[in-house]
N, C-alpha and C. Protein backbone atom coordinates (compact mmCIF):
# COMPACT_ATOMS: atom_id res chain seq x y z
N MET A 1 0.83 -1.18 0.00
CA MET A 1 0.00 0.00 0.00
C MET A 1 0.88 1.25 0.00
N ASN A 2 0.42 2.27 -0.70
CA ASN A 2 1.18 3.52 -0.70
C ASN A 2 0.68 4.41 0.44
N ALA A 3 1.22 5.59 0.53
CA ALA A 3 0.88 6.52 1.61
C ALA A 3 -0.58 6.93 1.60
N TRP A 4 -1.29 6.72 0.49
CA TRP A 4 -2.69 7.11 0.36
C TRP A 4 -3.63 5.91 0.43
N GLY A 5 -3.10 4.77 0.87
CA GLY A 5 -3.91 3.57 1.05
C GLY A 5 -4.24 2.83 -0.24
N GLN A 6 -3.59 3.18 -1.33
CA GLN A 6 -3.82 2.52 -2.62
C GLN A 6 -2.76 1.44 -2.83
N PRO A 7 -3.09 0.38 -3.57
CA PRO A 7 -2.09 -0.65 -3.82
C PRO A 7 -0.95 -0.13 -4.71
N VAL A 8 0.20 -0.73 -4.56
CA VAL A 8 1.37 -0.45 -5.39
C VAL A 8 1.51 -1.62 -6.36
N SER A 9 1.67 -1.33 -7.65
CA SER A 9 1.83 -2.41 -8.62
C SER A 9 3.32 -2.65 -8.88
N ALA A 10 3.65 -3.88 -9.20
CA ALA A 10 5.04 -4.25 -9.49
C ALA A 10 5.07 -5.11 -10.75
N THR A 11 6.03 -4.83 -11.61
CA THR A 11 6.26 -5.68 -12.77
C THR A 11 7.75 -6.01 -12.85
N ILE A 12 8.03 -7.21 -13.32
CA ILE A 12 9.41 -7.62 -13.55
C ILE A 12 9.50 -8.09 -14.99
N GLU A 13 10.43 -7.49 -15.72
CA GLU A 13 10.66 -7.89 -17.10
C GLU A 13 12.06 -8.47 -17.21
N ARG A 14 12.17 -9.55 -17.94
CA ARG A 14 13.49 -10.14 -18.15
C ARG A 14 13.94 -9.81 -19.56
N GLY A 15 14.97 -8.99 -19.64
CA GLY A 15 15.55 -8.64 -20.93
C GLY A 15 16.71 -9.57 -21.23
N PRO A 16 17.38 -9.36 -22.34
CA PRO A 16 18.49 -10.24 -22.71
C PRO A 16 19.69 -10.13 -21.76
N ILE A 17 19.85 -9.00 -21.08
CA ILE A 17 20.99 -8.81 -20.18
C ILE A 17 20.54 -8.57 -18.75
N ASN A 18 19.43 -7.84 -18.56
CA ASN A 18 18.99 -7.39 -17.24
C ASN A 18 17.58 -7.85 -16.92
N TYR A 19 17.31 -7.91 -15.61
CA TYR A 19 15.95 -7.92 -15.10
C TYR A 19 15.61 -6.47 -14.83
N VAL A 20 14.37 -6.06 -15.11
CA VAL A 20 13.94 -4.70 -14.80
C VAL A 20 12.71 -4.78 -13.90
N LEU A 21 12.82 -4.22 -12.72
CA LEU A 21 11.74 -4.16 -11.75
C LEU A 21 11.16 -2.76 -11.78
N THR A 22 9.84 -2.65 -11.92
CA THR A 22 9.16 -1.36 -11.90
C THR A 22 8.06 -1.41 -10.84
N LEU A 23 8.12 -0.48 -9.89
CA LEU A 23 7.06 -0.29 -8.89
C LEU A 23 6.34 1.00 -9.24
N ARG A 24 5.01 0.96 -9.18
CA ARG A 24 4.23 2.14 -9.53
C ARG A 24 3.16 2.37 -8.46
N SER A 25 3.16 3.61 -7.95
CA SER A 25 2.10 4.09 -7.07
C SER A 25 1.29 5.10 -7.87
N ASN A 26 -0.02 4.96 -7.83
CA ASN A 26 -0.88 5.87 -8.59
C ASN A 26 -0.99 7.26 -7.97
N GLY A 27 -0.32 7.49 -6.86
CA GLY A 27 -0.30 8.82 -6.27
C GLY A 27 -1.57 9.16 -5.51
N PRO A 28 -1.68 10.39 -5.03
CA PRO A 28 -2.80 10.78 -4.18
C PRO A 28 -4.16 10.72 -4.87
N ASP A 29 -4.23 10.91 -6.18
CA ASP A 29 -5.54 10.89 -6.83
C ASP A 29 -6.02 9.48 -7.17
N GLY A 30 -5.13 8.48 -7.04
CA GLY A 30 -5.51 7.09 -7.28
C GLY A 30 -5.68 6.72 -8.75
N LEU A 31 -5.41 7.66 -9.66
CA LEU A 31 -5.57 7.40 -11.09
C LEU A 31 -4.22 7.01 -11.69
N PRO A 32 -4.21 5.98 -12.55
CA PRO A 32 -2.94 5.52 -13.10
C PRO A 32 -2.41 6.41 -14.22
N LYS A 33 -1.08 6.38 -14.32
CA LYS A 33 -0.34 6.98 -15.43
C LYS A 33 -0.64 8.46 -15.67
N ASN A 34 -0.56 9.25 -14.58
CA ASN A 34 -0.62 10.71 -14.75
C ASN A 34 0.50 11.35 -13.94
N SER A 35 0.53 12.65 -13.88
CA SER A 35 1.70 13.38 -13.37
C SER A 35 1.97 13.19 -11.88
N ASP A 36 1.01 12.71 -11.08
CA ASP A 36 1.29 12.55 -9.65
C ASP A 36 1.74 11.14 -9.28
N ASP A 37 1.90 10.27 -10.27
CA ASP A 37 2.36 8.90 -10.01
C ASP A 37 3.81 8.90 -9.52
N ILE A 38 4.12 7.91 -8.70
CA ILE A 38 5.49 7.68 -8.27
C ILE A 38 5.92 6.36 -8.90
N VAL A 39 6.99 6.41 -9.67
CA VAL A 39 7.47 5.22 -10.37
C VAL A 39 8.94 5.01 -10.02
N VAL A 40 9.26 3.80 -9.59
CA VAL A 40 10.62 3.44 -9.25
C VAL A 40 11.02 2.28 -10.16
N THR A 41 12.15 2.42 -10.83
CA THR A 41 12.65 1.37 -11.72
C THR A 41 14.05 0.97 -11.29
N ARG A 42 14.27 -0.31 -11.17
CA ARG A 42 15.60 -0.85 -10.84
C ARG A 42 15.95 -1.91 -11.87
N SER A 43 17.21 -2.03 -12.19
CA SER A 43 17.63 -3.11 -13.08
C SER A 43 18.86 -3.79 -12.49
N LYS A 44 18.96 -5.08 -12.74
CA LYS A 44 20.10 -5.88 -12.30
C LYS A 44 20.48 -6.83 -13.41
N ARG A 45 21.76 -6.98 -13.62
CA ARG A 45 22.23 -7.97 -14.59
C ARG A 45 21.88 -9.37 -14.09
N HIS A 46 21.61 -10.27 -15.00
CA HIS A 46 21.34 -11.65 -14.64
C HIS A 46 22.48 -12.19 -13.79
N GLY A 47 22.13 -12.88 -12.71
CA GLY A 47 23.14 -13.49 -11.85
C GLY A 47 23.78 -12.55 -10.84
N GLU A 48 23.48 -11.25 -10.89
CA GLU A 48 24.11 -10.29 -9.98
C GLU A 48 23.55 -10.40 -8.57
N SER A 49 22.25 -10.47 -8.44
CA SER A 49 21.58 -10.69 -7.15
C SER A 49 20.16 -11.13 -7.45
N SER A 50 19.48 -11.50 -6.42
CA SER A 50 18.11 -11.97 -6.58
C SER A 50 17.18 -10.79 -6.86
N ILE A 51 16.40 -10.89 -7.93
CA ILE A 51 15.42 -9.84 -8.22
C ILE A 51 14.38 -9.76 -7.10
N THR A 52 14.16 -10.89 -6.41
CA THR A 52 13.24 -10.91 -5.27
C THR A 52 13.76 -10.00 -4.16
N GLN A 53 15.07 -10.04 -3.93
CA GLN A 53 15.67 -9.16 -2.91
C GLN A 53 15.52 -7.70 -3.32
N GLU A 54 15.72 -7.41 -4.60
CA GLU A 54 15.56 -6.04 -5.09
C GLU A 54 14.10 -5.59 -4.94
N ALA A 55 13.16 -6.47 -5.25
CA ALA A 55 11.74 -6.13 -5.12
C ALA A 55 11.39 -5.86 -3.67
N ALA A 56 11.90 -6.68 -2.76
CA ALA A 56 11.63 -6.48 -1.34
C ALA A 56 12.20 -5.16 -0.85
N ARG A 57 13.43 -4.83 -1.27
CA ARG A 57 14.04 -3.58 -0.85
C ARG A 57 13.26 -2.37 -1.38
N ALA A 58 12.86 -2.44 -2.65
CA ALA A 58 12.11 -1.33 -3.23
C ALA A 58 10.74 -1.20 -2.58
N ALA A 59 10.08 -2.34 -2.30
CA ALA A 59 8.77 -2.30 -1.65
C ALA A 59 8.87 -1.72 -0.25
N GLU A 60 9.94 -2.06 0.47
CA GLU A 60 10.15 -1.47 1.79
C GLU A 60 10.29 0.04 1.70
N GLY A 61 10.97 0.51 0.66
CA GLY A 61 11.12 1.95 0.46
C GLY A 61 9.80 2.63 0.22
N VAL A 62 8.95 2.01 -0.58
CA VAL A 62 7.63 2.57 -0.85
C VAL A 62 6.78 2.55 0.41
N ALA A 63 6.82 1.42 1.15
CA ALA A 63 6.04 1.31 2.38
C ALA A 63 6.49 2.32 3.42
N GLU A 64 7.79 2.51 3.53
CA GLU A 64 8.31 3.48 4.49
C GLU A 64 7.86 4.89 4.13
N GLY A 65 7.60 5.11 2.87
CA GLY A 65 7.12 6.41 2.42
C GLY A 65 5.83 6.83 3.10
N ALA A 66 5.02 5.85 3.49
CA ALA A 66 3.77 6.17 4.17
C ALA A 66 4.02 6.86 5.50
N ALA A 67 5.13 6.53 6.16
CA ALA A 67 5.44 7.11 7.46
C ALA A 67 6.33 8.33 7.38
N SER A 68 7.23 8.38 6.40
CA SER A 68 8.21 9.46 6.41
C SER A 68 8.18 10.34 5.17
N GLY A 69 7.11 10.27 4.43
CA GLY A 69 7.02 11.05 3.20
C GLY A 69 7.41 10.16 2.04
N ALA A 70 6.59 10.08 1.03
CA ALA A 70 6.76 9.10 -0.04
C ALA A 70 8.11 9.19 -0.73
N VAL A 71 8.52 10.35 -1.15
CA VAL A 71 9.78 10.46 -1.90
C VAL A 71 10.97 10.16 -1.00
N LYS A 72 10.99 10.69 0.21
CA LYS A 72 12.10 10.44 1.13
C LYS A 72 12.19 8.96 1.47
N GLY A 73 11.05 8.31 1.71
CA GLY A 73 11.05 6.89 2.03
C GLY A 73 11.55 6.04 0.89
N ILE A 74 11.15 6.39 -0.33
CA ILE A 74 11.61 5.64 -1.50
C ILE A 74 13.11 5.81 -1.67
N LYS A 75 13.59 7.05 -1.56
CA LYS A 75 15.03 7.29 -1.69
C LYS A 75 15.81 6.51 -0.63
N LYS A 76 15.32 6.51 0.59
CA LYS A 76 16.00 5.79 1.65
C LYS A 76 15.98 4.29 1.38
N GLY A 77 14.84 3.76 0.96
CA GLY A 77 14.74 2.34 0.67
C GLY A 77 15.62 1.90 -0.47
N LEU A 78 15.84 2.79 -1.42
CA LEU A 78 16.67 2.47 -2.57
C LEU A 78 18.11 2.91 -2.38
N ARG A 79 18.41 3.40 -1.17
CA ARG A 79 19.76 3.84 -0.81
C ARG A 79 20.25 4.97 -1.69
N LEU A 80 19.41 5.97 -1.89
CA LEU A 80 19.77 7.15 -2.67
C LEU A 80 19.85 8.35 -1.74
N GLY A 81 20.71 9.29 -2.04
CA GLY A 81 20.76 10.54 -1.29
C GLY A 81 21.45 10.42 0.06
N ARG A 82 21.15 11.37 0.95
CA ARG A 82 21.83 11.47 2.24
C ARG A 82 21.51 10.34 3.19
N ASP A 83 20.35 9.69 3.06
CA ASP A 83 19.96 8.62 3.97
C ASP A 83 20.63 7.30 3.63
N ARG A 84 21.58 7.32 2.76
CA ARG A 84 22.23 6.10 2.25
C ARG A 84 23.04 5.42 3.36
N GLU A 85 22.84 4.12 3.49
CA GLU A 85 23.59 3.33 4.46
C GLU A 85 24.40 2.30 3.70
N ASP A 86 25.71 2.37 3.78
CA ASP A 86 26.58 1.44 3.05
C ASP A 86 27.06 0.33 3.95
């Protein structure tokens, strides 16, 4: 669920070199594919790590957004910006 109580959709595509994970939140208006949507895309080369682990990490970032602000939570979950933990 996103910060507005709407479900978050996830897709995984397997390309010739990478897996691509896309998480999409329809934003506060609940309508898909418009300017208030939050979309997170991650890619990993085959064999680099489990796409399931990447999906879990990205989903945690989106879920944390409900408590700490959607964009900040996503950035923290994806280890971007100042909240990065190495």
